[in-house]
Amino acid sequence: MGLACVLAMAATLVSTLHGGPQFLYALFFGVAFHYLSEDAKTRPGIEFCARSVLRIGVGLLGARITASQIAGLGWSTAAIVIVAVVSTLLCGVLLGARLGMNRAQGVMSGGAVAICGASAALAISAVLPRSKESERFTLMVVVTVTVLSTLAMVIYPLIARLLHLPPELAGLFLGGTIHDVAQVVGAGYMLGQETGDYATIVKLFRVSMLAVVVVVVSGLFKRQRAASEGARAGARQALVPWFLWVFVALVIINSVGGVPAAVQNGLNDISRACLVISIAALGVKTSFAQLARAGWRPFALLLVETLWMAGFVLAAILLRS
């Protein structure tokens, strides 16, 4: 656990001093220590960070969201975002099947692009069947979606400027298409305070859909997950994982003003820290050779999903304006 925490702190330091994606640094630093993944002294702590700490981080994401933020978007904006998320998930499943991937891999890649990048990939992976292949695919998704999100942060504001989108529509485009929350914030405020505020709210609405998606995925893969974890034939598996109850509870409490601003900021920081620690631990469990075995198909799948979501939202905006 100490190793994963040190790797996470190193990634945070490099990201703070030199810029760049914190998650990606944590992953690469973790991969450099892959030789410790099978060590009897380090393996239990690495497994704990990659699983339990991950779930804590996902649960605490709920502290970012309130019902009033979602209600303030309006029905048309909400509808565009919901259809974009659902269609991107379907795109992941259908295209993934055409590329020879299983349904779980299609759902994870689609969810990562549709909702909130690496955080969504990690949350969805927590309720999918576990295997060495699934862990390798999760890491591949995290790497690819983080790179694509960083590129989108640079390119999408240029597209918004080129099309002369007003702040509200520019915020909808950026918040409704860029994968990671941090990149949405960065891209939005490049275009001004109003665009940044609106993009952030739209993005948080996408993040709030994570709870629904994880519940549905958990139900669809319940039996396969139980089999992969060696559960007894008659054991009852929870349909809604405990970390999702934490997520929903925090959204409700935050919506009624039960979470002071200072506490909310603290929970957000803890959530981010937990996710960075878990990615560092996942990196320790994965080697570059294993990542290379995933081939070109995951990258192609995520790229098409990204282009689909951007094209759909942009088309809806142009029709709306």
C-alpha atoms as a PDB file:
ATOM      1  CA  MET A   1       0.000   0.000   0.000  1.00  0.00           C
ATOM      2  CA  GLY A   2       2.867   2.328   0.816  1.00  0.00           C
ATOM      3  CA  LEU A   3       4.384   1.664  -2.608  1.00  0.00           C
ATOM      4  CA  ALA A   4       1.098   2.528  -4.383  1.00  0.00           C
ATOM      5  CA  CYS A   5       0.771   5.722  -2.325  1.00  0.00           C
ATOM      6  CA  VAL A   6       4.341   6.816  -3.104  1.00  0.00           C
ATOM      7  CA  LEU A   7       3.776   6.197  -6.822  1.00  0.00           C
ATOM      8  CA  ALA A   8       0.552   8.226  -6.668  1.00  0.00           C
ATOM      9  CA  MET A   9       2.330  11.109  -4.916  1.00  0.00           C
ATOM     10  CA  ALA A  10       5.127  11.041  -7.496  1.00  0.00           C
ATOM     11  CA  ALA A  11       2.566  11.178 -10.320  1.00  0.00           C
ATOM     12  CA  THR A  12       0.795  14.078  -8.627  1.00  0.00           C
ATOM     13  CA  LEU A  13       4.059  15.985  -8.191  1.00  0.00           C
ATOM     14  CA  VAL A  14       5.079  15.565 -11.837  1.00  0.00           C
ATOM     15  CA  SER A  15       1.584  16.514 -13.031  1.00  0.00           C
ATOM     16  CA  THR A  16       1.553  19.623 -10.808  1.00  0.00           C
ATOM     17  CA  LEU A  17       5.026  20.819 -11.763  1.00  0.00           C
ATOM     18  CA  HIS A  18       5.068  19.980 -15.465  1.00  0.00           C
ATOM     19  CA  GLY A  19       1.403  19.505 -16.453  1.00  0.00           C
ATOM     20  CA  GLY A  20      -0.028  16.453 -18.149  1.00  0.00           C
ATOM     21  CA  PRO A  21      -2.452  13.692 -17.077  1.00  0.00           C
ATOM     22  CA  GLN A  22      -2.001  12.581 -13.472  1.00  0.00           C
ATOM     23  CA  PHE A  23      -3.643   9.191 -14.142  1.00  0.00           C
ATOM     24  CA  LEU A  24      -1.282   8.389 -17.003  1.00  0.00           C
ATOM     25  CA  TYR A  25       1.808   9.212 -14.940  1.00  0.00           C
ATOM     26  CA  ALA A  26       0.557   6.994 -12.106  1.00  0.00           C
ATOM     27  CA  LEU A  27      -0.028   4.135 -14.526  1.00  0.00           C
ATOM     28  CA  PHE A  28       3.417   4.357 -16.117  1.00  0.00           C
ATOM     29  CA  PHE A  29       5.184   4.695 -12.753  1.00  0.00           C
ATOM     30  CA  GLY A  30       3.320   1.605 -11.583  1.00  0.00           C
ATOM     31  CA  VAL A  31       4.298  -0.399 -14.679  1.00  0.00           C
ATOM     32  CA  ALA A  32       7.972   0.335 -13.876  1.00  0.00           C
ATOM     33  CA  PHE A  33       7.528  -1.647 -10.628  1.00  0.00           C
ATOM     34  CA  HIS A  34       5.774  -4.621 -12.243  1.00  0.00           C
ATOM     35  CA  TYR A  35       8.440  -6.977 -10.877  1.00  0.00           C
ATOM     36  CA  LEU A  36       6.924  -6.533  -7.405  1.00  0.00           C
ATOM     37  CA  SER A  37       3.453  -7.685  -8.488  1.00  0.00           C
ATOM     38  CA  GLU A  38       4.100 -11.332  -7.592  1.00  0.00           C
ATOM     39  CA  ASP A  39       6.158 -10.669  -4.469  1.00  0.00           C
ATOM     40  CA  ALA A  40       4.544 -12.255  -1.399  1.00  0.00           C
ATOM     41  CA  LYS A  41       5.115  -9.114   0.702  1.00  0.00           C
ATOM     42  CA  THR A  42       3.745  -6.572  -1.763  1.00  0.00           C
ATOM     43  CA  ARG A  43       0.998  -8.468  -3.582  1.00  0.00           C
ATOM     44  CA  PRO A  44      -1.749  -8.252  -0.879  1.00  0.00           C
ATOM     45  CA  GLY A  45      -1.384  -4.466  -0.566  1.00  0.00           C
ATOM     46  CA  ILE A  46      -1.321  -3.981  -4.334  1.00  0.00           C
ATOM     47  CA  GLU A  47      -4.477  -6.097  -4.695  1.00  0.00           C
ATOM     48  CA  PHE A  48      -6.200  -4.103  -1.929  1.00  0.00           C
ATOM     49  CA  CYS A  49      -5.350  -0.767  -3.590  1.00  0.00           C
ATOM     50  CA  ALA A  50      -6.398  -1.975  -7.037  1.00  0.00           C
ATOM     51  CA  ARG A  51      -9.797  -3.137  -5.756  1.00  0.00           C
ATOM     52  CA  SER A  52     -10.972  -1.704  -2.422  1.00  0.00           C
ATOM     53  CA  VAL A  53      -9.297   1.728  -2.650  1.00  0.00           C
ATOM     54  CA  LEU A  54     -10.670   2.021  -6.190  1.00  0.00           C
ATOM     55  CA  ARG A  55     -14.229   1.471  -4.941  1.00  0.00           C
ATOM     56  CA  ILE A  56     -13.835   4.069  -2.197  1.00  0.00           C
ATOM     57  CA  GLY A  57     -12.679   6.611  -4.792  1.00  0.00           C
ATOM     58  CA  VAL A  58     -15.637   5.909  -7.071  1.00  0.00           C
ATOM     59  CA  GLY A  59     -18.118   6.170  -4.176  1.00  0.00           C
ATOM     60  CA  LEU A  60     -16.778   9.572  -3.136  1.00  0.00           C
ATOM     61  CA  LEU A  61     -17.292  10.953  -6.676  1.00  0.00           C
ATOM     62  CA  GLY A  62     -20.893  11.616  -5.599  1.00  0.00           C
ATOM     63  CA  ALA A  63     -19.750  14.579  -3.492  1.00  0.00           C
ATOM     64  CA  ARG A  64     -19.272  16.591  -6.712  1.00  0.00           C
ATOM     65  CA  ILE A  65     -22.894  16.440  -7.824  1.00  0.00           C
ATOM     66  CA  THR A  66     -26.190  18.032  -6.760  1.00  0.00           C
ATOM     67  CA  ALA A  67     -29.701  17.613  -8.117  1.00  0.00           C
ATOM     68  CA  SER A  68     -29.987  21.383  -8.715  1.00  0.00           C
ATOM     69  CA  GLN A  69     -26.976  21.290 -11.069  1.00  0.00           C
ATOM     70  CA  ILE A  70     -28.659  18.594 -13.122  1.00  0.00           C
ATOM     71  CA  ALA A  71     -32.063  20.341 -13.095  1.00  0.00           C
ATOM     72  CA  GLY A  72     -30.459  23.600 -14.227  1.00  0.00           C
ATOM     73  CA  LEU A  73     -29.387  22.104 -17.541  1.00  0.00           C
ATOM     74  CA  GLY A  74     -32.882  21.998 -19.034  1.00  0.00           C
ATOM     75  CA  TRP A  75     -34.633  19.146 -20.802  1.00  0.00           C
ATOM     76  CA  SER A  76     -33.109  19.597 -24.258  1.00  0.00           C
ATOM     77  CA  THR A  77     -29.525  19.638 -22.976  1.00  0.00           C
ATOM     78  CA  ALA A  78     -30.166  16.664 -20.700  1.00  0.00           C
ATOM     79  CA  ALA A  79     -31.744  14.741 -23.582  1.00  0.00           C
ATOM     80  CA  ILE A  80     -28.756  15.370 -25.857  1.00  0.00           C
ATOM     81  CA  VAL A  81     -26.334  14.147 -23.192  1.00  0.00           C
ATOM     82  CA  ILE A  82     -28.414  11.065 -22.295  1.00  0.00           C
ATOM     83  CA  VAL A  83     -28.806   9.973 -25.937  1.00  0.00           C
ATOM     84  CA  ALA A  84     -25.093  10.588 -26.544  1.00  0.00           C
ATOM     85  CA  VAL A  85     -24.131   8.424 -23.545  1.00  0.00           C
ATOM     86  CA  VAL A  86     -26.508   5.573 -24.413  1.00  0.00           C
ATOM     87  CA  SER A  87     -25.606   5.560 -28.118  1.00  0.00           C
ATOM     88  CA  THR A  88     -21.875   5.561 -27.313  1.00  0.00           C
ATOM     89  CA  LEU A  89     -22.346   2.568 -24.995  1.00  0.00           C
ATOM     90  CA  LEU A  90     -24.224   0.735 -27.747  1.00  0.00           C
ATOM     91  CA  CYS A  91     -21.514   1.706 -30.226  1.00  0.00           C
ATOM     92  CA  GLY A  92     -18.923   0.157 -27.899  1.00  0.00           C
ATOM     93  CA  VAL A  93     -20.822  -3.127 -27.596  1.00  0.00           C
ATOM     94  CA  LEU A  94     -21.672  -3.482 -31.301  1.00  0.00           C
ATOM     95  CA  LEU A  95     -18.320  -2.341 -32.706  1.00  0.00           C
ATOM     96  CA  GLY A  96     -16.450  -4.306 -30.045  1.00  0.00           C
ATOM     97  CA  ALA A  97     -18.207  -7.477 -31.184  1.00  0.00           C
ATOM     98  CA  ARG A  98     -17.225  -6.744 -34.795  1.00  0.00           C
ATOM     99  CA  LEU A  99     -13.601  -6.344 -33.668  1.00  0.00           C
ATOM    100  CA  GLY A 100     -13.642  -9.691 -31.861  1.00  0.00           C
ATOM    101  CA  MET A 101     -14.013  -8.379 -28.293  1.00  0.00           C
ATOM    102  CA  ASN A 102     -16.412  -9.734 -25.707  1.00  0.00           C
ATOM    103  CA  ARG A 103     -19.427  -7.857 -24.387  1.00  0.00           C
ATOM    104  CA  ALA A 104     -17.701  -6.854 -21.118  1.00  0.00           C
ATOM    105  CA  GLN A 105     -14.861  -5.174 -23.025  1.00  0.00           C
ATOM    106  CA  GLY A 106     -17.301  -3.319 -25.271  1.00  0.00           C
ATOM    107  CA  VAL A 107     -19.272  -2.066 -22.261  1.00  0.00           C
ATOM    108  CA  MET A 108     -16.136  -0.897 -20.428  1.00  0.00           C
ATOM    109  CA  SER A 109     -14.715   0.981 -23.413  1.00  0.00           C
ATOM    110  CA  GLY A 110     -18.081   2.555 -24.222  1.00  0.00           C
ATOM    111  CA  GLY A 111     -18.612   3.587 -20.601  1.00  0.00           C
ATOM    112  CA  ALA A 112     -15.150   5.131 -20.360  1.00  0.00           C
ATOM    113  CA  VAL A 113     -15.781   7.342 -23.405  1.00  0.00           C
ATOM    114  CA  ALA A 114     -19.438   8.061 -22.634  1.00  0.00           C
ATOM    115  CA  ILE A 115     -19.180   9.008 -18.954  1.00  0.00           C
ATOM    116  CA  CYS A 116     -15.913  10.090 -17.355  1.00  0.00           C
ATOM    117  CA  GLY A 117     -12.845   8.483 -18.869  1.00  0.00           C
ATOM    118  CA  ALA A 118     -10.485   6.537 -16.646  1.00  0.00           C
ATOM    119  CA  SER A 119     -12.729   6.901 -13.560  1.00  0.00           C
ATOM    120  CA  ALA A 120     -15.667   5.279 -15.378  1.00  0.00           C
ATOM    121  CA  ALA A 121     -13.454   2.505 -16.763  1.00  0.00           C
ATOM    122  CA  LEU A 122     -12.285   1.688 -13.253  1.00  0.00           C
ATOM    123  CA  ALA A 123     -15.808   1.853 -11.790  1.00  0.00           C
ATOM    124  CA  ILE A 124     -17.290  -0.408 -14.466  1.00  0.00           C
ATOM    125  CA  SER A 125     -14.364  -2.846 -14.251  1.00  0.00           C
ATOM    126  CA  ALA A 126     -15.141  -3.263 -10.529  1.00  0.00           C
ATOM    127  CA  VAL A 127     -18.461  -4.991 -11.356  1.00  0.00           C
ATOM    128  CA  LEU A 128     -17.265  -6.976 -14.392  1.00  0.00           C
ATOM    129  CA  PRO A 129     -15.856 -10.542 -14.336  1.00  0.00           C
ATOM    130  CA  ARG A 130     -12.213 -10.502 -13.232  1.00  0.00           C
ATOM    131  CA  SER A 131      -9.334 -12.152 -15.085  1.00  0.00           C
ATOM    132  CA  LYS A 132      -5.784 -11.306 -16.147  1.00  0.00           C
ATOM    133  CA  GLU A 133      -7.094 -10.470 -19.609  1.00  0.00           C
ATOM    134  CA  SER A 134      -9.746  -8.121 -18.204  1.00  0.00           C
ATOM    135  CA  GLU A 135      -7.160  -6.309 -16.066  1.00  0.00           C
ATOM    136  CA  ARG A 136      -4.892  -5.893 -19.083  1.00  0.00           C
ATOM    137  CA  PHE A 137      -7.802  -4.530 -21.127  1.00  0.00           C
ATOM    138  CA  THR A 138      -8.722  -2.114 -18.300  1.00  0.00           C
ATOM    139  CA  LEU A 139      -5.199  -0.712 -18.307  1.00  0.00           C
ATOM    140  CA  MET A 140      -5.266  -0.378 -22.085  1.00  0.00           C
ATOM    141  CA  VAL A 141      -8.553   1.532 -21.876  1.00  0.00           C
ATOM    142  CA  VAL A 142      -7.169   3.824 -19.161  1.00  0.00           C
ATOM    143  CA  VAL A 143      -4.068   4.641 -21.223  1.00  0.00           C
ATOM    144  CA  THR A 144      -5.935   5.207 -24.482  1.00  0.00           C
ATOM    145  CA  VAL A 145      -8.871   7.171 -23.081  1.00  0.00           C
ATOM    146  CA  THR A 146      -6.513   9.444 -21.136  1.00  0.00           C
ATOM    147  CA  VAL A 147      -4.472  10.198 -24.252  1.00  0.00           C
ATOM    148  CA  LEU A 148      -7.625  10.827 -26.308  1.00  0.00           C
ATOM    149  CA  SER A 149      -9.034  13.056 -23.571  1.00  0.00           C
ATOM    150  CA  THR A 150      -5.864  15.131 -23.499  1.00  0.00           C
ATOM    151  CA  LEU A 151      -5.968  15.542 -27.286  1.00  0.00           C
ATOM    152  CA  ALA A 152      -9.654  16.508 -27.092  1.00  0.00           C
ATOM    153  CA  MET A 153      -8.832  19.165 -24.489  1.00  0.00           C
ATOM    154  CA  VAL A 154      -6.598  20.847 -27.071  1.00  0.00           C
ATOM    155  CA  ILE A 155      -8.609  20.246 -30.274  1.00  0.00           C
ATOM    156  CA  TYR A 156     -12.243  20.693 -29.174  1.00  0.00           C
ATOM    157  CA  PRO A 157     -11.920  24.339 -28.009  1.00  0.00           C
ATOM    158  CA  LEU A 158     -10.465  25.132 -31.448  1.00  0.00           C
ATOM    159  CA  ILE A 159     -13.513  23.522 -33.082  1.00  0.00           C
ATOM    160  CA  ALA A 160     -15.846  25.534 -30.821  1.00  0.00           C
ATOM    161  CA  ARG A 161     -14.042  28.754 -31.801  1.00  0.00           C
ATOM    162  CA  LEU A 162     -14.069  27.821 -35.492  1.00  0.00           C
ATOM    163  CA  LEU A 163     -17.848  27.300 -35.380  1.00  0.00           C
ATOM    164  CA  HIS A 164     -18.349  30.510 -33.325  1.00  0.00           C
ATOM    165  CA  LEU A 165     -20.397  28.639 -30.719  1.00  0.00           C
ATOM    166  CA  PRO A 166     -21.859  30.834 -27.934  1.00  0.00           C
ATOM    167  CA  PRO A 167     -20.716  30.044 -24.371  1.00  0.00           C
ATOM    168  CA  GLU A 168     -23.696  27.811 -23.522  1.00  0.00           C
ATOM    169  CA  LEU A 169     -23.387  25.665 -26.661  1.00  0.00           C
ATOM    170  CA  ALA A 170     -19.597  25.583 -26.440  1.00  0.00           C
ATOM    171  CA  GLY A 171     -19.945  24.370 -22.839  1.00  0.00           C
ATOM    172  CA  LEU A 172     -22.406  21.691 -23.955  1.00  0.00           C
ATOM    173  CA  PHE A 173     -19.996  20.513 -26.650  1.00  0.00           C
ATOM    174  CA  LEU A 174     -16.973  20.366 -24.345  1.00  0.00           C
ATOM    175  CA  GLY A 175     -18.775  18.972 -21.290  1.00  0.00           C
ATOM    176  CA  GLY A 176     -20.759  16.504 -23.368  1.00  0.00           C
ATOM    177  CA  THR A 177     -17.828  14.985 -25.256  1.00  0.00           C
ATOM    178  CA  ILE A 178     -14.463  15.216 -23.433  1.00  0.00           C
ATOM    179  CA  HIS A 179     -13.765  12.131 -21.353  1.00  0.00           C
ATOM    180  CA  ASP A 180     -12.158  13.234 -18.082  1.00  0.00           C
ATOM    181  CA  VAL A 181     -13.451  15.905 -15.669  1.00  0.00           C
ATOM    182  CA  ALA A 182     -10.073  17.621 -15.363  1.00  0.00           C
ATOM    183  CA  GLN A 183      -9.731  17.966 -19.144  1.00  0.00           C
ATOM    184  CA  VAL A 184     -13.277  19.358 -19.411  1.00  0.00           C
ATOM    185  CA  VAL A 185     -12.445  22.022 -16.845  1.00  0.00           C
ATOM    186  CA  GLY A 186      -9.205  22.881 -18.643  1.00  0.00           C
ATOM    187  CA  ALA A 187     -10.838  23.110 -22.070  1.00  0.00           C
ATOM    188  CA  GLY A 188     -13.898  25.020 -20.836  1.00  0.00           C
ATOM    189  CA  TYR A 189     -12.035  27.796 -19.062  1.00  0.00           C
ATOM    190  CA  MET A 190      -9.778  28.246 -22.087  1.00  0.00           C
ATOM    191  CA  LEU A 191     -12.870  29.771 -23.722  1.00  0.00           C
ATOM    192  CA  GLY A 192     -13.955  31.849 -20.733  1.00  0.00           C
ATOM    193  CA  GLN A 193     -15.602  31.706 -17.313  1.00  0.00           C
ATOM    194  CA  GLU A 194     -19.165  31.163 -18.573  1.00  0.00           C
ATOM    195  CA  THR A 195     -18.179  28.379 -20.961  1.00  0.00           C
ATOM    196  CA  GLY A 196     -16.108  26.697 -18.255  1.00  0.00           C
ATOM    197  CA  ASP A 197     -18.929  26.795 -15.696  1.00  0.00           C
ATOM    198  CA  TYR A 198     -21.470  25.349 -18.128  1.00  0.00           C
ATOM    199  CA  ALA A 199     -19.085  22.674 -19.412  1.00  0.00           C
ATOM    200  CA  THR A 200     -18.360  21.562 -15.850  1.00  0.00           C
ATOM    201  CA  ILE A 201     -22.071  21.215 -14.984  1.00  0.00           C
ATOM    202  CA  VAL A 202     -22.756  19.231 -18.174  1.00  0.00           C
ATOM    203  CA  LYS A 203     -19.815  16.977 -17.377  1.00  0.00           C
ATOM    204  CA  LEU A 204     -21.025  16.380 -13.815  1.00  0.00           C
ATOM    205  CA  PHE A 205     -24.393  15.355 -15.239  1.00  0.00           C
ATOM    206  CA  ARG A 206     -22.560  12.720 -17.287  1.00  0.00           C
ATOM    207  CA  VAL A 207     -20.717  11.617 -14.149  1.00  0.00           C
ATOM    208  CA  SER A 208     -24.050  11.246 -12.312  1.00  0.00           C
ATOM    209  CA  MET A 209     -25.117   8.703 -14.960  1.00  0.00           C
ATOM    210  CA  LEU A 210     -22.278   6.464 -13.776  1.00  0.00           C
ATOM    211  CA  ALA A 211     -24.488   5.143 -10.969  1.00  0.00           C
ATOM    212  CA  VAL A 212     -27.216   3.978 -13.361  1.00  0.00           C
ATOM    213  CA  VAL A 213     -24.724   2.421 -15.781  1.00  0.00           C
ATOM    214  CA  VAL A 214     -22.883   0.522 -13.030  1.00  0.00           C
ATOM    215  CA  VAL A 215     -26.162  -0.857 -11.623  1.00  0.00           C
ATOM    216  CA  VAL A 216     -27.232  -2.081 -15.091  1.00  0.00           C
ATOM    217  CA  VAL A 217     -23.800  -3.579 -15.836  1.00  0.00           C
ATOM    218  CA  SER A 218     -23.688  -5.217 -12.404  1.00  0.00           C
ATOM    219  CA  GLY A 219     -27.020  -6.919 -13.093  1.00  0.00           C
ATOM    220  CA  LEU A 220     -26.058  -8.052 -16.599  1.00  0.00           C
ATOM    221  CA  PHE A 221     -22.759  -9.604 -15.504  1.00  0.00           C
ATOM    222  CA  LYS A 222     -23.790 -10.843 -12.044  1.00  0.00           C
ATOM    223  CA  ARG A 223     -23.417 -14.567 -12.765  1.00  0.00           C
ATOM    224  CA  GLN A 224     -20.198 -14.230 -14.750  1.00  0.00           C
ATOM    225  CA  ARG A 225     -18.676 -12.078 -11.996  1.00  0.00           C
ATOM    226  CA  ALA A 226     -19.630 -14.611  -9.320  1.00  0.00           C
ATOM    227  CA  ALA A 227     -18.076 -17.428 -11.360  1.00  0.00           C
ATOM    228  CA  SER A 228     -14.852 -15.482 -11.959  1.00  0.00           C
ATOM    229  CA  GLU A 229     -14.506 -14.738  -8.243  1.00  0.00           C
ATOM    230  CA  GLY A 230     -15.044 -18.367  -7.278  1.00  0.00           C
ATOM    231  CA  ALA A 231     -18.259 -17.674  -5.395  1.00  0.00           C
ATOM    232  CA  ARG A 232     -20.362 -20.572  -4.116  1.00  0.00           C
ATOM    233  CA  ALA A 233     -23.141 -21.639  -6.450  1.00  0.00           C
ATOM    234  CA  GLY A 234     -25.818 -20.511  -4.035  1.00  0.00           C
ATOM    235  CA  ALA A 235     -24.157 -17.322  -2.831  1.00  0.00           C
ATOM    236  CA  ARG A 236     -26.124 -14.123  -3.248  1.00  0.00           C
ATOM    237  CA  GLN A 237     -24.298 -11.354  -5.073  1.00  0.00           C
ATOM    238  CA  ALA A 238     -25.336  -7.765  -4.354  1.00  0.00           C
ATOM    239  CA  LEU A 239     -26.923  -6.187  -7.430  1.00  0.00           C
ATOM    240  CA  VAL A 240     -25.908  -2.704  -6.280  1.00  0.00           C
ATOM    241  CA  PRO A 241     -22.284  -2.612  -5.007  1.00  0.00           C
ATOM    242  CA  TRP A 242     -21.724  -0.845  -1.677  1.00  0.00           C
ATOM    243  CA  PHE A 243     -19.618   1.912  -3.237  1.00  0.00           C
ATOM    244  CA  LEU A 244     -22.552   2.854  -5.453  1.00  0.00           C
ATOM    245  CA  TRP A 245     -24.765   3.322  -2.379  1.00  0.00           C
ATOM    246  CA  VAL A 246     -22.086   5.707  -1.070  1.00  0.00           C
ATOM    247  CA  PHE A 247     -22.159   7.564  -4.406  1.00  0.00           C
ATOM    248  CA  VAL A 248     -25.971   7.958  -4.378  1.00  0.00           C
ATOM    249  CA  ALA A 249     -26.061   8.901  -0.687  1.00  0.00           C
ATOM    250  CA  LEU A 250     -23.499  11.660  -1.203  1.00  0.00           C
ATOM    251  CA  VAL A 251     -25.444  13.048  -4.179  1.00  0.00           C
ATOM    252  CA  ILE A 252     -28.623  13.182  -2.057  1.00  0.00           C
ATOM    253  CA  ILE A 253     -26.903  14.723   0.986  1.00  0.00           C
ATOM    254  CA  ASN A 254     -25.059  17.221  -1.197  1.00  0.00           C
ATOM    255  CA  SER A 255     -28.312  18.155  -2.969  1.00  0.00           C
ATOM    256  CA  VAL A 256     -29.992  19.202   0.297  1.00  0.00           C
ATOM    257  CA  GLY A 257     -26.960  21.235   1.378  1.00  0.00           C
ATOM    258  CA  GLY A 258     -25.739  18.674   3.894  1.00  0.00           C
ATOM    259  CA  VAL A 259     -22.136  18.784   2.679  1.00  0.00           C
ATOM    260  CA  PRO A 260     -20.304  22.064   3.450  1.00  0.00           C
ATOM    261  CA  ALA A 261     -18.061  23.432   0.705  1.00  0.00           C
ATOM    262  CA  ALA A 262     -14.883  22.655   2.652  1.00  0.00           C
ATOM    263  CA  VAL A 263     -15.970  19.053   3.256  1.00  0.00           C
ATOM    264  CA  GLN A 264     -17.020  18.688  -0.378  1.00  0.00           C
ATOM    265  CA  ASN A 265     -13.600  19.848  -1.565  1.00  0.00           C
ATOM    266  CA  GLY A 266     -11.953  17.468   0.878  1.00  0.00           C
ATOM    267  CA  LEU A 267     -14.025  14.505  -0.330  1.00  0.00           C
ATOM    268  CA  ASN A 268     -13.227  15.390  -3.944  1.00  0.00           C
ATOM    269  CA  ASP A 269      -9.517  15.412  -3.119  1.00  0.00           C
ATOM    270  CA  ILE A 270      -9.776  12.073  -1.293  1.00  0.00           C
ATOM    271  CA  SER A 271     -11.692  10.576  -4.226  1.00  0.00           C
ATOM    272  CA  ARG A 272      -9.063  11.736  -6.692  1.00  0.00           C
ATOM    273  CA  ALA A 273      -6.267  10.436  -4.457  1.00  0.00           C
ATOM    274  CA  CYS A 274      -7.926   7.011  -4.155  1.00  0.00           C
ATOM    275  CA  LEU A 275      -8.337   6.744  -7.923  1.00  0.00           C
ATOM    276  CA  VAL A 276      -4.706   7.722  -8.563  1.00  0.00           C
ATOM    277  CA  ILE A 277      -3.508   5.179  -5.959  1.00  0.00           C
ATOM    278  CA  SER A 278      -5.638   2.437  -7.511  1.00  0.00           C
ATOM    279  CA  ILE A 279      -4.308   3.182 -11.015  1.00  0.00           C
ATOM    280  CA  ALA A 280      -0.743   3.054  -9.704  1.00  0.00           C
ATOM    281  CA  ALA A 281      -1.532  -0.361  -8.191  1.00  0.00           C
ATOM    282  CA  LEU A 282      -3.102  -1.551 -11.446  1.00  0.00           C
ATOM    283  CA  GLY A 283       0.043  -0.384 -13.217  1.00  0.00           C
ATOM    284  CA  VAL A 284       2.190  -2.507 -10.903  1.00  0.00           C
ATOM    285  CA  LYS A 285       0.082  -5.520 -11.906  1.00  0.00           C
ATOM    286  CA  THR A 286       0.654  -4.894 -15.633  1.00  0.00           C
ATOM    287  CA  SER A 287       3.733  -4.964 -17.857  1.00  0.00           C
ATOM    288  CA  PHE A 288       4.365  -3.192 -21.156  1.00  0.00           C
ATOM    289  CA  ALA A 289       4.516  -6.614 -22.795  1.00  0.00           C
ATOM    290  CA  GLN A 290       1.008  -7.355 -21.527  1.00  0.00           C
ATOM    291  CA  LEU A 291      -0.256  -3.982 -22.782  1.00  0.00           C
ATOM    292  CA  ALA A 292       1.255  -4.676 -26.197  1.00  0.00           C
ATOM    293  CA  ARG A 293      -0.648  -7.974 -26.405  1.00  0.00           C
ATOM    294  CA  ALA A 294      -3.929  -6.031 -26.451  1.00  0.00           C
ATOM    295  CA  GLY A 295      -3.081  -4.986 -30.029  1.00  0.00           C
ATOM    296  CA  TRP A 296      -4.594  -2.201 -32.114  1.00  0.00           C
ATOM    297  CA  ARG A 297      -8.253  -3.140 -31.661  1.00  0.00           C
ATOM    298  CA  PRO A 298      -8.856  -1.421 -28.275  1.00  0.00           C
ATOM    299  CA  PHE A 299      -7.341   1.813 -29.597  1.00  0.00           C
ATOM    300  CA  ALA A 300      -9.460   1.659 -32.765  1.00  0.00           C
ATOM    301  CA  LEU A 301     -12.599   0.960 -30.717  1.00  0.00           C
ATOM    302  CA  LEU A 302     -12.017   3.882 -28.344  1.00  0.00           C
ATOM    303  CA  LEU A 303     -11.126   6.234 -31.203  1.00  0.00           C
ATOM    304  CA  VAL A 304     -14.339   5.428 -33.103  1.00  0.00           C
ATOM    305  CA  GLU A 305     -16.407   5.820 -29.902  1.00  0.00           C
ATOM    306  CA  THR A 306     -14.775   9.200 -29.258  1.00  0.00           C
ATOM    307  CA  LEU A 307     -15.451  10.407 -32.802  1.00  0.00           C
ATOM    308  CA  TRP A 308     -19.024   9.124 -32.626  1.00  0.00           C
ATOM    309  CA  MET A 309     -19.781  10.990 -29.398  1.00  0.00           C
ATOM    310  CA  ALA A 310     -18.185  14.222 -30.600  1.00  0.00           C
ATOM    311  CA  GLY A 311     -19.980  14.026 -33.951  1.00  0.00           C
ATOM    312  CA  PHE A 312     -23.363  13.275 -32.376  1.00  0.00           C
ATOM    313  CA  VAL A 313     -23.235  16.101 -29.829  1.00  0.00           C
ATOM    314  CA  LEU A 314     -21.924  18.581 -32.386  1.00  0.00           C
ATOM    315  CA  ALA A 315     -24.656  17.636 -34.870  1.00  0.00           C
ATOM    316  CA  ALA A 316     -27.324  18.054 -32.152  1.00  0.00           C
ATOM    317  CA  ILE A 317     -25.901  21.480 -31.237  1.00  0.00           C
ATOM    318  CA  LEU A 318     -25.879  22.667 -34.839  1.00  0.00           C
ATOM    319  CA  LEU A 319     -29.470  21.492 -35.335  1.00  0.00           C
ATOM    320  CA  ARG A 320     -30.495  23.177 -32.072  1.00  0.00           C
ATOM    321  CA  SER A 321     -28.868  26.497 -32.998  1.00  0.00           C
END
